[in-house]
Amino acid sequence: MKKLILLFAIAFTMSAASFGIDFSLSVGAGGLLGYTFTRYTLEDSGTMPGGGESGTIRSIQSMDRFDYGGFLFFDATYGELSILIQGGGNAYGETMDFGGSSPVRLADSKGTGTEMSLGFSLLGKFPFELTKKLVIFPLAGVSYHIALLEWRKPEGDIVYDRTKGELPEDQDKNGDAYPLSAWNSLWIILGAGIDYTIKGPWYLRGEALFGFRLPTGYENGALAMTKQRFSAPDPKLSGLTGNPTLKLAVGRRFFGFSDQP
């Protein structure tokens, strides 16, 4: 096993050298701007609560959010670890319809909201040196966000904390309020970046990323609530939450750089 690891390390180093890349360590800080969109549809057959008629249940959720934040990063040439604080203001809409002999709209709400999270991302990267000052690299990895704030303001109403469970959509199948952790999220990240050396160890970094979010605890809870409330045998959640993001940062290399004139 040790020989295999050594051979892999040698091959990896030779591959990097063939592109003119030296191993380096650096840290930096910057800001980000992004846009998050959610388009989900929940569907199944079931019965109205209380033993009513049978029909189809269809719930549609949409959300558009402008994101902003700041981050710190640590770079080791072939990997980037980031810690960020991200906030955002959103506009949302949610409906739920029951389609029996007499279709009924069970829920219809829209409004605005505010969110904030603490994020950790780990991205793999492979740099290609175009010139002594300019390097480009593809990126791929994961990001995990811990929810810090979940507020909403329905149209014509006041701002409320979603973790208080004041509205039915913020309650689980047992009628309890969701914990803030129900909005924690895991993202799959793809993208590309560019480094431009300013002078010596200092450089500018720009990244364009796109994230695909996996269902949250809140969304899985909506499936469980629908299954219980409407005796739905197998509710399905389809759709996408995506997030294009632009990041700009200043970094400083502490190892493996050549002083530029």
Protein backbone atom coordinates (compact mmCIF):
# COMPACT_ATOMS: atom_id res chain seq x y z
CA MET A 1 0.00 0.00 0.00
CA LYS A 2 2.85 2.41 0.86
CA LYS A 3 4.48 1.70 -2.51
CA LEU A 4 1.17 2.37 -4.28
CA ILE A 5 0.76 5.70 -2.47
CA LEU A 6 4.35 6.66 -3.31
CA LEU A 7 3.86 5.80 -7.00
CA PHE A 8 0.63 7.80 -7.09
CA ALA A 9 2.35 10.80 -5.48
CA ILE A 10 5.20 10.65 -8.01
CA ALA A 11 2.78 10.38 -10.94
CA PHE A 12 0.66 13.24 -9.60
CA THR A 13 3.73 15.46 -9.13
CA MET A 14 5.01 14.67 -12.63
CA SER A 15 1.57 15.44 -14.10
CA ALA A 16 1.46 18.79 -12.31
CA ALA A 17 5.01 19.59 -13.41
CA SER A 18 4.08 18.89 -17.04
CA PHE A 19 1.65 21.82 -16.82
CA GLY A 20 4.27 24.09 -15.25
CA ILE A 21 2.54 24.15 -11.85
CA ASP A 22 4.47 24.24 -8.57
CA PHE A 23 2.82 23.19 -5.31
CA SER A 24 1.94 26.21 -3.17
CA LEU A 25 0.04 27.16 -0.03
CA SER A 26 -1.94 30.37 0.30
CA VAL A 27 -4.74 32.10 2.19
CA GLY A 28 -7.11 34.87 1.21
CA ALA A 29 -10.42 36.63 1.70
CA GLY A 30 -13.12 38.05 -0.51
CA GLY A 31 -16.79 38.53 -1.26
CA LEU A 32 -19.51 36.84 -3.27
CA LEU A 33 -22.70 37.62 -5.13
CA GLY A 34 -25.17 34.97 -6.24
CA TYR A 35 -28.70 33.99 -7.09
CA THR A 36 -30.53 30.98 -5.66
CA PHE A 37 -33.70 29.60 -7.23
CA THR A 38 -36.02 26.81 -6.08
CA ARG A 39 -38.66 25.12 -8.22
CA TYR A 40 -40.23 22.09 -6.51
CA THR A 41 -43.43 20.12 -7.09
CA LEU A 42 -44.79 17.57 -4.59
CA GLU A 43 -47.42 15.14 -5.94
CA ASP A 44 -49.33 12.01 -4.93
CA SER A 45 -52.82 10.58 -4.55
CA GLY A 46 -54.60 10.50 -1.22
CA THR A 47 -57.71 11.34 0.75
CA MET A 48 -58.88 14.50 2.45
CA PRO A 49 -58.25 14.53 6.22
CA GLY A 50 -61.08 13.02 8.24
CA GLY A 51 -61.82 10.20 5.81
CA GLY A 52 -63.02 12.39 2.95
CA GLU A 53 -62.97 11.71 -0.78
CA SER A 54 -59.94 10.52 -2.71
CA GLY A 55 -58.04 12.70 -5.15
CA THR A 56 -54.63 14.05 -6.13
CA ILE A 57 -52.43 16.28 -4.00
CA ARG A 58 -50.20 18.79 -5.76
CA SER A 59 -48.00 21.32 -3.99
CA ILE A 60 -45.80 23.81 -5.86
CA GLN A 61 -42.99 25.76 -4.22
CA SER A 62 -40.92 28.53 -5.82
CA MET A 63 -38.28 30.83 -4.38
CA ASP A 64 -35.86 33.39 -5.84
CA ARG A 65 -33.10 34.80 -3.62
CA PHE A 66 -30.33 37.35 -4.09
CA ASP A 67 -27.23 36.17 -2.19
CA TYR A 68 -24.31 38.13 -0.78
CA GLY A 69 -21.53 37.36 1.66
CA GLY A 70 -17.88 37.21 2.57
CA PHE A 71 -15.44 34.34 2.89
CA LEU A 72 -11.97 33.20 3.91
CA PHE A 73 -10.13 30.53 1.96
CA PHE A 74 -7.11 28.27 2.31
CA ASP A 75 -5.56 26.97 -0.91
CA ALA A 76 -3.17 24.05 -1.41
CA THR A 77 -2.85 24.19 -5.24
CA TYR A 78 -5.11 21.16 -5.84
CA GLY A 79 -7.72 21.93 -3.20
CA GLU A 80 -9.52 24.92 -1.72
CA LEU A 81 -11.21 25.09 1.68
CA SER A 82 -13.55 28.04 2.29
CA ILE A 83 -15.50 29.34 5.25
CA LEU A 84 -18.22 31.86 4.47
CA ILE A 85 -21.05 33.90 5.94
CA GLN A 86 -23.90 34.28 3.45
CA GLY A 87 -27.11 36.24 3.63
CA GLY A 88 -29.96 36.71 1.21
CA GLY A 89 -33.35 38.27 0.61
CA ASN A 90 -35.93 36.16 -1.19
CA ALA A 91 -39.36 36.23 -2.78
CA TYR A 92 -41.38 33.01 -2.46
CA GLY A 93 -44.68 31.44 -3.43
CA GLU A 94 -46.35 28.20 -2.28
CA THR A 95 -49.62 26.53 -3.27
CA MET A 96 -51.30 23.22 -2.41
CA ASP A 97 -54.29 21.86 -4.33
CA PHE A 98 -56.49 18.82 -3.76
CA GLY A 99 -58.06 17.51 -6.97
CA GLY A 100 -61.17 15.47 -6.19
CA SER A 101 -64.68 15.78 -7.59
CA SER A 102 -64.64 19.32 -6.18
CA PRO A 103 -61.07 20.69 -6.43
CA VAL A 104 -59.93 22.65 -3.40
CA ARG A 105 -56.99 25.00 -2.92
CA LEU A 106 -55.70 24.17 0.54
CA ALA A 107 -52.85 26.69 0.69
CA ASP A 108 -51.82 29.78 -1.27
CA SER A 109 -49.13 32.02 0.16
CA LYS A 110 -46.43 34.35 -1.09
CA GLY A 111 -44.19 36.99 0.36
CA THR A 112 -40.57 37.82 1.09
CA GLY A 113 -37.97 36.39 3.41
CA THR A 114 -34.50 36.77 4.87
CA GLU A 115 -31.97 33.98 5.33
CA MET A 116 -28.45 33.68 6.68
CA SER A 117 -26.06 30.73 6.87
CA LEU A 118 -22.54 29.69 7.82
CA GLY A 119 -20.97 27.67 5.02
CA PHE A 120 -18.01 25.33 4.60
CA SER A 121 -16.85 24.24 1.14
CA LEU A 122 -14.16 21.85 -0.01
CA LEU A 123 -13.34 22.02 -3.72
CA GLY A 124 -10.81 20.07 -5.76
CA LYS A 125 -9.00 21.99 -8.51
CA PHE A 126 -6.40 21.41 -11.19
CA PRO A 127 -4.46 24.52 -12.29
CA PHE A 128 -3.20 25.22 -15.81
CA GLU A 129 -0.54 27.91 -16.06
CA LEU A 130 -1.18 30.12 -19.10
CA THR A 131 1.55 32.66 -18.28
CA LYS A 132 3.77 33.39 -15.28
CA LYS A 133 1.03 35.61 -13.93
CA LEU A 134 -2.14 33.88 -15.13
CA VAL A 135 -3.51 30.49 -14.01
CA ILE A 136 -6.92 28.95 -14.72
CA PHE A 137 -8.50 25.91 -13.05
CA PRO A 138 -11.68 23.79 -13.06
CA LEU A 139 -13.39 23.23 -9.70
CA ALA A 140 -15.62 20.52 -8.24
CA GLY A 141 -16.63 19.60 -4.71
CA VAL A 142 -19.20 20.05 -1.96
CA SER A 143 -20.45 22.80 0.32
CA TYR A 144 -22.42 22.49 3.56
CA HIS A 145 -24.46 25.40 4.93
CA ILE A 146 -25.64 25.69 8.53
CA ALA A 147 -28.78 27.82 8.81
CA LEU A 148 -28.43 30.81 11.16
CA LEU A 149 -31.61 32.74 10.33
CA GLU A 150 -34.96 31.89 8.67
CA TRP A 151 -37.43 34.77 8.61
CA ARG A 152 -40.46 35.36 6.41
CA LYS A 153 -42.93 38.17 5.76
CA PRO A 154 -46.14 36.97 4.03
CA GLU A 155 -47.96 39.59 1.96
CA GLY A 156 -49.91 41.92 4.22
CA ASP A 157 -48.43 40.39 7.38
CA ILE A 158 -45.53 40.95 9.75
CA VAL A 159 -42.08 39.35 9.79
CA TYR A 160 -41.93 36.09 11.72
CA ASP A 161 -39.33 33.49 12.67
CA ARG A 162 -40.03 30.19 10.87
CA THR A 163 -38.67 28.14 13.78
CA LYS A 164 -41.61 29.33 15.92
CA GLY A 165 -44.00 27.15 13.90
CA GLU A 166 -46.70 29.83 13.78
CA LEU A 167 -47.97 28.74 10.35
CA PRO A 168 -48.98 25.21 9.26
CA GLU A 169 -46.27 25.07 6.56
CA ASP A 170 -43.62 25.52 9.26
CA GLN A 171 -44.85 22.55 11.31
CA ASP A 172 -43.82 18.92 10.93
CA LYS A 173 -46.14 15.91 10.74
CA ASN A 174 -46.57 15.99 14.53
CA GLY A 175 -47.54 19.66 14.57
CA ASP A 176 -44.22 20.72 16.09
CA ALA A 177 -42.08 23.61 14.88
CA TYR A 178 -39.11 22.69 12.72
CA PRO A 179 -35.70 23.28 14.33
CA LEU A 180 -33.41 25.74 12.56
CA SER A 181 -31.25 22.79 11.47
CA ALA A 182 -34.10 21.65 9.17
CA TRP A 183 -32.86 24.32 6.75
CA ASN A 184 -29.24 23.13 6.76
CA SER A 185 -28.21 22.25 3.22
CA LEU A 186 -25.69 20.18 1.26
CA TRP A 187 -24.60 21.38 -2.17
CA ILE A 188 -22.74 19.78 -5.09
CA ILE A 189 -20.49 22.45 -6.65
CA LEU A 190 -19.03 22.76 -10.15
CA GLY A 191 -17.18 25.70 -11.65
CA ALA A 192 -13.96 27.33 -12.77
CA GLY A 193 -11.53 29.95 -11.49
CA ILE A 194 -8.69 32.23 -12.46
CA ASP A 195 -5.68 33.56 -10.53
CA TYR A 196 -3.77 36.68 -11.56
CA THR A 197 -0.53 37.47 -9.77
CA ILE A 198 -0.34 41.14 -8.77
CA LYS A 199 3.20 41.17 -7.36
CA GLY A 200 5.29 38.61 -5.52
CA PRO A 201 3.05 36.44 -3.32
CA TRP A 202 -0.10 38.54 -3.85
CA TYR A 203 -2.77 37.56 -6.37
CA LEU A 204 -6.38 38.13 -7.35
CA ARG A 205 -8.75 35.17 -7.58
CA GLY A 206 -12.07 35.04 -9.42
CA GLU A 207 -14.44 32.06 -9.48
CA ALA A 208 -17.69 31.27 -11.27
CA LEU A 209 -19.59 28.43 -9.56
CA PHE A 210 -22.89 26.61 -9.89
CA GLY A 211 -24.38 24.63 -6.99
CA PHE A 212 -27.03 21.91 -6.97
CA ARG A 213 -28.74 21.58 -3.58
CA LEU A 214 -29.93 18.26 -2.14
CA PRO A 215 -33.35 18.21 -0.36
CA THR A 216 -33.26 19.72 3.12
CA GLY A 217 -34.75 18.35 6.33
CA TYR A 218 -37.62 20.82 5.86
CA GLU A 219 -38.45 19.43 2.42
CA ASN A 220 -38.21 15.84 3.60
CA GLY A 221 -40.49 16.82 6.46
CA ALA A 222 -43.05 18.10 3.94
CA LEU A 223 -43.07 14.65 2.34
CA ALA A 224 -43.70 12.99 5.71
CA MET A 225 -46.45 15.50 6.57
CA THR A 226 -48.21 14.94 3.23
CA LYS A 227 -48.00 11.17 3.65
CA GLN A 228 -49.57 11.32 7.09
CA ARG A 229 -52.14 14.08 6.59
CA PHE A 230 -53.55 12.77 3.31
CA SER A 231 -52.81 9.05 3.72
CA ALA A 232 -50.61 9.44 0.64
CA PRO A 233 -48.78 6.17 -0.09
CA ASP A 234 -45.69 7.54 -1.84
CA PRO A 235 -45.43 11.33 -2.31
CA LYS A 236 -42.75 12.43 -4.78
CA LEU A 237 -40.73 15.64 -4.69
CA SER A 238 -39.33 16.75 -8.05
CA GLY A 239 -37.53 19.88 -9.16
CA LEU A 240 -34.30 21.74 -8.58
CA THR A 241 -32.60 24.23 -6.32
CA GLY A 242 -29.67 25.85 -8.11
CA ASN A 243 -27.23 28.61 -7.29
CA PRO A 244 -24.92 30.46 -9.72
CA THR A 245 -22.31 32.45 -7.77
CA LEU A 246 -19.46 34.83 -8.55
CA LYS A 247 -16.59 35.15 -6.06
CA LEU A 248 -13.71 37.64 -6.01
CA ALA A 249 -10.84 37.50 -3.52
CA VAL A 250 -7.29 38.58 -2.76
CA GLY A 251 -4.83 35.85 -1.78
CA ARG A 252 -1.28 35.58 -0.53
CA ARG A 253 1.02 32.64 -1.17
CA PHE A 254 3.27 31.58 1.68
CA PHE A 255 5.00 28.67 -0.02
CA GLY A 256 5.91 27.81 -3.58
CA PHE A 257 5.74 31.21 -5.30
CA SER A 258 8.21 33.07 -7.46
CA ASP A 259 8.66 36.78 -6.90
CA GLN A 260 7.25 38.72 -9.83
CA PRO A 261 8.80 42.01 -11.01
